[in-house]
Amino acid sequence: MKRIVLSIFILLIYIITYGQGNSYSFFVAGHTYGHPGVDNEGFHPPFKDKFAYIQSRDEIQFGILTGDIVSPGPTAQDWDEIDNDISLLGLDVYFAVGNHDMENRPLFESRYGDTYYHFIYENDLFLILDPNIDNWNISGDQILYMKDVVNSNYEFIDNIFVFFHQLLWWDENNIYSQISPNSLAGRADTINFWTEVEPFFRQKPNHIVFFAGDVGAASWSSDFMYDAYDNIELVASGMGENIGDNFIVTNVNQDKTIDYDLICLSDIDLECFGDIKDYQLSLLISDTHQINWKLYPNPATTNITIESNYLNKNSILQVYNVNGKLVFETPLSSEDSQNFNTDIFVSGLYLVKVNDGKKSSIKKLLIK
């Protein structure tokens, strides 16, 4: 009888402590050193300009940087400047290292310790990984650590958040080839994300969110991406290009559901890109029916060319501005190559959507 009473007491304590949970938020920012070739003092200035916004939201408890925190060839001074900026922000900030951060691994580890680690907050597991150790693979001691941490905790926690720099889900032969990373530097010909990492998490009962940060640096790269399937969400966010700069605030609600604020850095309107879930890639493109098309030149000045062998009489071209407003629409013919004048557009970032009546695909276009 005493054992039963004790068990009930422990269960009640668990429910009170963990089962109800408090709502909280955290920010995720990628490629925070900014535009390639620019050596800022600390973080990318438009990101620092949003520190006041972050501080104004009491529910934001901490931040996680998803790599390329400092510019290539990092020095102690570079990291001193980052530490100073973080002290001005006044929040705990965790690092998921990028390839540039690891150009001087001994320096980083002497200051901050291990590059893969975990912590638990409000009954959610946060796991930071380092794909730079083995050419984008999570292998060796690191994958053993990953599996041990998750296997030891998944039954007692709610969400699992996993952070790394590189877009490990990108592959030239899957739908994520539609996304353009900042770089494929250091990537092995084959990596184990889809063969070992993703299957391990997908078979868990928890909700899993993977975050990557190697996007948004320049005109050639995508600014952000989102996808969701089964118990998995894939989120990428970055900065450096200026027009498409962004970071993400992740909101964990009291019922442990998750939503996101996609924060625009280049506009007074913080929500200029809309809801990141509206960009769910698997709803725009399917493995069985991809719209393969090219858009060039990009950036453009006077005209663009749409090139595809897969268009039909139902195909249309739509152009949206960064506020999500449709600013141009026209039918597409079945010709392989079609040209359009861009003089009607003001300079800036646009989203170009091609729809063939069954599926659609979106590309980013910069007009100078």
Protein backbone atom coordinates (compact mmCIF):
# COMPACT_ATOMS: atom_id res chain seq x y z
CA MET A 1 0.00 0.00 0.00
CA LYS A 2 2.83 2.41 0.87
CA ARG A 3 4.46 1.68 -2.49
CA ILE A 4 1.20 2.51 -4.35
CA VAL A 5 0.81 5.79 -2.46
CA LEU A 6 4.44 6.65 -3.12
CA SER A 7 4.07 5.88 -6.83
CA ILE A 8 0.97 8.08 -7.07
CA PHE A 9 2.80 10.87 -5.26
CA ILE A 10 5.76 10.66 -7.68
CA LEU A 11 3.39 10.67 -10.65
CA LEU A 12 1.64 13.79 -9.35
CA ILE A 13 4.96 15.53 -8.86
CA TYR A 14 5.93 14.65 -12.44
CA ILE A 15 2.63 15.97 -13.83
CA ILE A 16 2.90 19.20 -11.87
CA THR A 17 6.54 19.72 -12.77
CA TYR A 18 6.62 18.55 -16.38
CA GLY A 19 3.21 17.61 -17.63
CA GLN A 20 1.72 21.08 -17.71
CA GLY A 21 4.81 22.91 -18.95
CA ASN A 22 5.21 26.63 -19.41
CA SER A 23 5.10 28.29 -22.79
CA TYR A 24 8.44 29.73 -23.88
CA SER A 25 10.32 30.84 -26.98
CA PHE A 26 13.87 30.79 -28.28
CA PHE A 27 15.48 32.35 -31.34
CA VAL A 28 17.51 30.55 -34.00
CA ALA A 29 19.89 32.55 -36.21
CA GLY A 30 22.14 31.23 -38.96
CA HIS A 31 25.19 32.64 -40.74
CA THR A 32 25.34 35.54 -38.30
CA TYR A 33 28.67 36.94 -39.50
CA GLY A 34 26.75 38.29 -42.50
CA HIS A 35 27.73 38.76 -46.12
CA PRO A 36 30.73 36.80 -47.45
CA GLY A 37 33.82 38.96 -47.68
CA VAL A 38 32.66 41.43 -45.03
CA ASP A 39 34.41 41.36 -41.66
CA ASN A 40 31.93 42.92 -39.26
CA GLU A 41 32.70 43.78 -35.67
CA GLY A 42 30.69 41.01 -34.09
CA PHE A 43 27.36 40.02 -35.58
CA HIS A 44 25.81 41.08 -38.88
CA PRO A 45 24.58 44.66 -38.13
CA PRO A 46 20.93 44.13 -39.20
CA PHE A 47 20.78 41.23 -36.73
CA LYS A 48 22.18 43.39 -33.94
CA ASP A 49 19.56 46.01 -34.80
CA LYS A 50 16.93 43.47 -33.75
CA PHE A 51 18.39 42.88 -30.28
CA ALA A 52 15.89 45.35 -28.83
CA TYR A 53 13.05 43.37 -30.40
CA ILE A 54 14.38 40.12 -28.91
CA GLN A 55 14.77 41.77 -25.51
CA SER A 56 11.21 43.12 -25.71
CA ARG A 57 9.79 39.60 -25.83
CA ASP A 58 9.98 38.29 -22.28
CA GLU A 59 9.05 34.79 -23.43
CA ILE A 60 12.32 34.44 -25.40
CA GLN A 61 14.53 32.58 -22.95
CA PHE A 62 17.69 31.94 -25.00
CA GLY A 63 19.08 31.76 -28.52
CA ILE A 64 20.87 29.21 -30.68
CA LEU A 65 23.26 30.18 -33.47
CA THR A 66 23.39 27.66 -36.30
CA GLY A 67 26.90 28.21 -37.52
CA ASP A 68 29.24 30.54 -39.39
CA ILE A 69 29.05 32.77 -36.38
CA VAL A 70 32.33 34.44 -37.34
CA SER A 71 33.87 35.15 -40.74
CA PRO A 72 36.54 32.91 -42.33
CA GLY A 73 39.86 32.70 -40.52
CA PRO A 74 38.50 33.38 -37.05
CA THR A 75 40.77 34.97 -34.45
CA ALA A 76 40.45 35.44 -30.72
CA GLN A 77 39.38 39.02 -31.37
CA ASP A 78 36.51 37.79 -33.58
CA TRP A 79 35.21 35.62 -30.76
CA ASP A 80 35.74 38.42 -28.23
CA GLU A 81 33.49 40.62 -30.37
CA ILE A 82 30.81 37.91 -30.51
CA ASP A 83 30.98 37.43 -26.73
CA ASN A 84 30.63 41.18 -26.26
CA ASP A 85 27.54 41.31 -28.48
CA ILE A 86 25.98 38.41 -26.60
CA SER A 87 26.59 40.19 -23.31
CA LEU A 88 24.74 43.22 -24.71
CA LEU A 89 21.87 40.96 -25.71
CA GLY A 90 21.67 39.66 -22.17
CA LEU A 91 20.49 36.11 -22.96
CA ASP A 92 22.11 32.71 -22.92
CA VAL A 93 23.20 31.84 -26.47
CA TYR A 94 24.29 28.38 -27.59
CA PHE A 95 26.55 27.63 -30.55
CA ALA A 96 26.12 25.04 -33.30
CA VAL A 97 29.37 25.48 -35.20
CA GLY A 98 29.77 26.13 -38.91
CA ASN A 99 32.60 25.31 -41.27
CA HIS A 100 34.15 28.79 -40.92
CA ASP A 101 33.97 28.61 -37.13
CA MET A 102 35.93 25.36 -37.32
CA GLU A 103 38.76 26.74 -39.41
CA ASN A 104 40.40 27.17 -36.02
CA ARG A 105 38.89 24.34 -34.00
CA PRO A 106 41.50 24.44 -31.19
CA LEU A 107 40.74 28.12 -30.59
CA PHE A 108 37.01 27.49 -30.40
CA GLU A 109 37.28 24.45 -28.14
CA SER A 110 39.68 26.22 -25.79
CA ARG A 111 37.07 28.94 -25.29
CA TYR A 112 33.75 27.09 -25.45
CA GLY A 113 34.41 23.37 -25.06
CA ASP A 114 32.80 20.52 -26.98
CA THR A 115 31.09 21.17 -30.32
CA TYR A 116 28.36 18.59 -29.77
CA TYR A 117 26.34 18.55 -26.57
CA HIS A 118 22.77 18.70 -25.23
CA PHE A 119 20.58 20.26 -22.59
CA ILE A 120 16.97 19.95 -21.45
CA TYR A 121 14.67 22.94 -21.03
CA GLU A 122 11.00 22.80 -19.98
CA ASN A 123 11.01 19.08 -20.67
CA ASP A 124 12.24 19.51 -24.26
CA LEU A 125 15.56 18.08 -25.43
CA PHE A 126 18.00 20.35 -27.25
CA LEU A 127 20.76 18.53 -29.14
CA ILE A 128 23.58 20.41 -30.88
CA LEU A 129 25.61 18.47 -33.47
CA ASP A 130 28.81 19.16 -35.42
CA PRO A 131 28.83 17.81 -39.02
CA ASN A 132 32.23 19.46 -39.62
CA ILE A 133 34.01 16.61 -37.86
CA ASP A 134 33.38 14.10 -40.67
CA ASN A 135 32.44 15.80 -43.94
CA TRP A 136 28.76 16.35 -43.10
CA ASN A 137 28.40 12.90 -41.52
CA ILE A 138 27.32 12.37 -37.92
CA SER A 139 29.53 9.41 -37.13
CA GLY A 140 31.93 7.81 -34.69
CA ASP A 141 31.74 8.98 -31.08
CA GLN A 142 29.33 11.75 -32.06
CA ILE A 143 26.60 9.45 -33.36
CA LEU A 144 27.03 7.19 -30.35
CA TYR A 145 26.58 10.24 -28.14
CA MET A 146 23.54 11.35 -30.14
CA LYS A 147 21.83 7.98 -29.85
CA ASP A 148 22.67 7.57 -26.18
CA VAL A 149 21.27 11.01 -25.28
CA VAL A 150 18.05 10.45 -27.21
CA ASN A 151 17.54 6.86 -26.08
CA SER A 152 18.09 7.88 -22.47
CA ASN A 153 15.57 10.72 -22.58
CA TYR A 154 12.92 10.32 -25.27
CA GLU A 155 10.41 8.53 -23.01
CA PHE A 156 10.43 11.36 -20.49
CA ILE A 157 10.50 14.44 -22.73
CA ASP A 158 8.23 16.12 -25.24
CA ASN A 159 9.89 17.77 -28.25
CA ILE A 160 13.38 17.13 -29.57
CA PHE A 161 15.17 20.04 -31.23
CA VAL A 162 18.33 19.23 -33.23
CA PHE A 163 20.72 21.93 -34.48
CA PHE A 164 23.58 21.93 -36.97
CA HIS A 165 25.01 24.24 -39.61
CA GLN A 166 24.92 22.41 -42.94
CA LEU A 167 21.68 21.46 -44.72
CA LEU A 168 22.19 17.78 -44.08
CA TRP A 169 18.88 16.92 -45.74
CA TRP A 170 20.01 18.47 -49.04
CA ASP A 171 20.84 16.06 -51.86
CA GLU A 172 21.03 16.65 -55.58
CA ASN A 173 18.60 13.77 -56.14
CA ASN A 174 15.82 14.67 -53.67
CA ILE A 175 13.26 17.45 -53.49
CA TYR A 176 15.58 19.53 -51.32
CA SER A 177 17.79 20.08 -54.36
CA GLN A 178 15.35 22.95 -54.99
CA ILE A 179 17.00 24.71 -52.04
CA SER A 180 20.33 26.43 -52.64
CA PRO A 181 22.68 26.28 -49.63
CA ASN A 182 25.36 28.88 -49.13
CA SER A 183 27.97 26.22 -49.74
CA LEU A 184 28.57 22.50 -50.15
CA ALA A 185 32.13 22.88 -48.87
CA GLY A 186 33.50 19.77 -47.21
CA ARG A 187 30.55 17.58 -48.14
CA ALA A 188 31.36 13.94 -48.83
CA ASP A 189 29.91 12.33 -51.95
CA THR A 190 27.49 10.45 -49.73
CA ILE A 191 26.45 11.31 -46.19
CA ASN A 192 24.43 9.44 -43.58
CA PHE A 193 21.63 11.85 -42.75
CA TRP A 194 18.95 9.92 -44.67
CA THR A 195 20.39 6.48 -44.03
CA GLU A 196 21.11 6.71 -40.32
CA VAL A 197 20.36 10.03 -38.63
CA GLU A 198 16.85 10.83 -39.88
CA PRO A 199 15.53 7.23 -39.57
CA PHE A 200 16.76 7.08 -35.98
CA PHE A 201 14.74 10.16 -35.02
CA ARG A 202 11.70 9.38 -37.16
CA GLN A 203 11.03 6.14 -35.31
CA LYS A 204 10.81 7.99 -31.98
CA PRO A 205 7.37 9.04 -30.66
CA ASN A 206 8.51 12.63 -30.06
CA HIS A 207 8.03 15.63 -32.30
CA ILE A 208 11.41 16.30 -33.97
CA VAL A 209 12.62 19.62 -35.42
CA PHE A 210 15.91 19.84 -37.33
CA PHE A 211 17.40 23.32 -37.71
CA ALA A 212 20.18 24.29 -40.15
CA GLY A 213 21.80 27.66 -40.75
CA ASP A 214 23.86 27.62 -43.94
CA VAL A 215 21.50 29.69 -46.09
CA GLY A 216 20.85 33.36 -46.77
CA ALA A 217 24.40 34.57 -47.28
CA ALA A 218 24.20 35.86 -50.86
CA SER A 219 22.09 36.07 -54.01
CA TRP A 220 22.85 32.48 -55.04
CA SER A 221 21.45 30.94 -51.88
CA SER A 222 17.95 30.41 -50.53
CA ASP A 223 17.03 32.65 -47.61
CA PHE A 224 15.03 30.10 -45.61
CA MET A 225 13.13 26.86 -46.02
CA TYR A 226 10.54 24.73 -44.27
CA ASP A 227 9.17 21.25 -44.65
CA ALA A 228 7.17 18.83 -42.50
CA TYR A 229 6.23 15.16 -42.69
CA ASP A 230 5.42 12.41 -40.19
CA ASN A 231 6.87 13.62 -36.84
CA ILE A 232 9.64 15.63 -38.53
CA GLU A 233 10.07 19.33 -39.32
CA LEU A 234 13.01 20.74 -41.30
CA VAL A 235 13.81 24.43 -40.80
CA ALA A 236 16.62 26.53 -42.28
CA SER A 237 17.25 30.22 -41.74
CA GLY A 238 20.13 32.58 -42.41
CA MET A 239 21.35 36.06 -43.20
CA GLY A 240 23.96 38.04 -45.10
CA GLU A 241 22.26 38.93 -48.38
CA ASN A 242 20.49 41.91 -46.78
CA ILE A 243 17.23 41.75 -48.77
CA GLY A 244 16.29 38.28 -47.56
CA ASP A 245 17.90 38.39 -44.12
CA ASN A 246 15.95 36.64 -41.40
CA PHE A 247 16.02 34.69 -38.18
CA ILE A 248 13.38 32.53 -36.52
CA VAL A 249 11.68 32.70 -33.16
CA THR A 250 10.41 29.26 -32.16
CA ASN A 251 7.41 29.33 -29.84
CA VAL A 252 6.69 26.29 -27.69
CA ASN A 253 3.13 26.56 -26.46
CA GLN A 254 1.80 25.29 -23.16
CA ASP A 255 0.38 22.18 -24.85
CA LYS A 256 3.89 21.62 -26.35
CA THR A 257 2.79 22.42 -29.90
CA ILE A 258 5.22 24.57 -31.89
CA ASP A 259 4.85 27.58 -34.14
CA TYR A 260 7.36 29.97 -35.65
CA ASP A 261 7.88 33.67 -36.23
CA LEU A 262 9.95 34.31 -39.35
CA ILE A 263 11.56 37.65 -38.55
CA CYS A 264 12.55 39.91 -41.43
CA LEU A 265 15.70 41.97 -40.86
CA SER A 266 15.54 44.21 -43.94
CA ASP A 267 12.08 45.73 -43.51
CA ILE A 268 10.22 47.68 -40.85
CA ASP A 269 7.56 45.00 -41.12
CA LEU A 270 9.07 42.17 -39.06
CA GLU A 271 6.71 39.68 -40.72
CA CYS A 272 7.43 40.74 -44.31
CA PHE A 273 7.99 37.15 -45.42
CA GLY A 274 4.79 35.83 -43.87
CA ASP A 275 4.47 32.46 -42.15
CA ILE A 276 7.33 30.05 -42.80
CA LYS A 277 4.87 27.15 -42.85
CA ASP A 278 3.34 28.64 -46.01
CA TYR A 279 6.59 27.66 -47.73
CA GLN A 280 6.29 23.94 -46.91
CA LEU A 281 8.33 22.42 -49.68
CA SER A 282 6.66 19.03 -49.87
CA LEU A 283 3.35 20.77 -50.66
CA LEU A 284 4.97 22.67 -53.51
CA ILE A 285 6.99 19.82 -54.97
CA SER A 286 6.52 16.07 -54.89
CA ASP A 287 8.97 13.28 -55.59
CA THR A 288 6.66 11.83 -58.25
CA HIS A 289 6.01 15.10 -60.06
CA GLN A 290 8.68 17.75 -59.91
CA ILE A 291 8.61 20.88 -62.00
CA ASN A 292 12.14 21.15 -63.29
CA TRP A 293 12.80 24.68 -64.46
CA LYS A 294 15.50 27.31 -64.58
CA LEU A 295 15.33 31.03 -63.94
CA TYR A 296 18.10 33.31 -65.20
CA PRO A 297 19.81 35.72 -65.02
CA ASN A 298 19.56 36.06 -61.27
CA PRO A 299 20.08 38.82 -60.16
CA ALA A 300 18.25 40.34 -63.14
CA THR A 301 18.18 43.88 -64.49
CA THR A 302 15.96 44.12 -67.60
CA ASN A 303 14.64 40.62 -68.34
CA ILE A 304 14.46 37.04 -67.13
CA THR A 305 14.26 33.71 -68.93
CA ILE A 306 12.12 30.77 -67.78
CA GLU A 307 13.40 27.49 -69.17
CA SER A 308 11.70 24.12 -68.77
CA ASN A 309 10.80 20.99 -70.75
CA TYR A 310 7.87 20.18 -68.43
CA LEU A 311 5.40 23.00 -69.02
CA ASN A 312 1.92 22.50 -70.48
CA LYS A 313 -1.07 24.58 -71.57
CA ASN A 314 -2.16 24.97 -67.95
CA SER A 315 1.14 26.43 -66.76
CA ILE A 316 1.24 29.93 -65.28
CA LEU A 317 3.95 32.24 -63.96
CA GLN A 318 3.27 34.25 -60.79
CA VAL A 319 5.54 36.79 -59.14
CA TYR A 320 5.10 37.83 -55.50
CA ASN A 321 6.83 40.59 -53.57
CA VAL A 322 8.31 39.99 -50.11
CA ASN A 323 5.01 40.95 -48.50
CA GLY A 324 3.33 38.04 -50.28
CA LYS A 325 1.38 40.25 -52.70
CA LEU A 326 0.87 38.95 -56.24
CA VAL A 327 2.39 41.61 -58.51
CA PHE A 328 2.52 39.77 -61.86
CA GLU A 329 0.80 36.79 -63.45
CA THR A 330 0.86 35.41 -66.98
CA PRO A 331 0.21 32.11 -68.76
CA LEU A 332 3.22 30.08 -69.84
CA SER A 333 3.36 28.30 -73.16
CA SER A 334 4.80 24.84 -73.65
CA GLU A 335 7.89 26.31 -75.31
CA ASP A 336 11.18 25.28 -73.71
CA SER A 337 12.37 28.86 -73.18
CA GLN A 338 10.39 32.08 -72.57
CA ASN A 339 11.57 35.62 -71.88
CA PHE A 340 9.91 38.28 -69.73
CA ASN A 341 10.67 41.96 -69.26
CA THR A 342 11.36 43.05 -65.67
CA ASP A 343 11.14 46.81 -66.18
CA ILE A 344 7.76 46.87 -64.45
CA PHE A 345 9.33 45.75 -61.15
CA VAL A 346 11.12 47.97 -58.66
CA SER A 347 14.45 46.72 -57.36
CA GLY A 348 14.17 44.12 -54.66
CA LEU A 349 13.53 40.50 -53.78
CA TYR A 350 10.68 38.53 -55.36
CA LEU A 351 9.34 35.00 -55.26
CA VAL A 352 8.69 33.51 -58.68
CA LYS A 353 6.19 30.67 -58.79
CA VAL A 354 5.61 28.30 -61.70
CA ASN A 355 2.41 26.24 -61.58
CA ASP A 356 1.59 23.60 -64.19
CA GLY A 357 -1.91 22.85 -62.92
CA LYS A 358 -0.81 19.96 -60.73
CA LYS A 359 2.20 21.13 -58.78
CA SER A 360 4.07 24.34 -58.27
CA SER A 361 7.62 25.37 -57.50
CA ILE A 362 9.04 28.63 -56.17
CA LYS A 363 12.39 30.30 -56.77
CA LYS A 364 13.82 33.52 -55.40
CA LEU A 365 14.57 36.37 -57.82
CA LEU A 366 16.61 39.49 -57.09
CA ILE A 367 15.96 42.45 -59.40
CA LYS A 368 18.55 45.19 -59.34
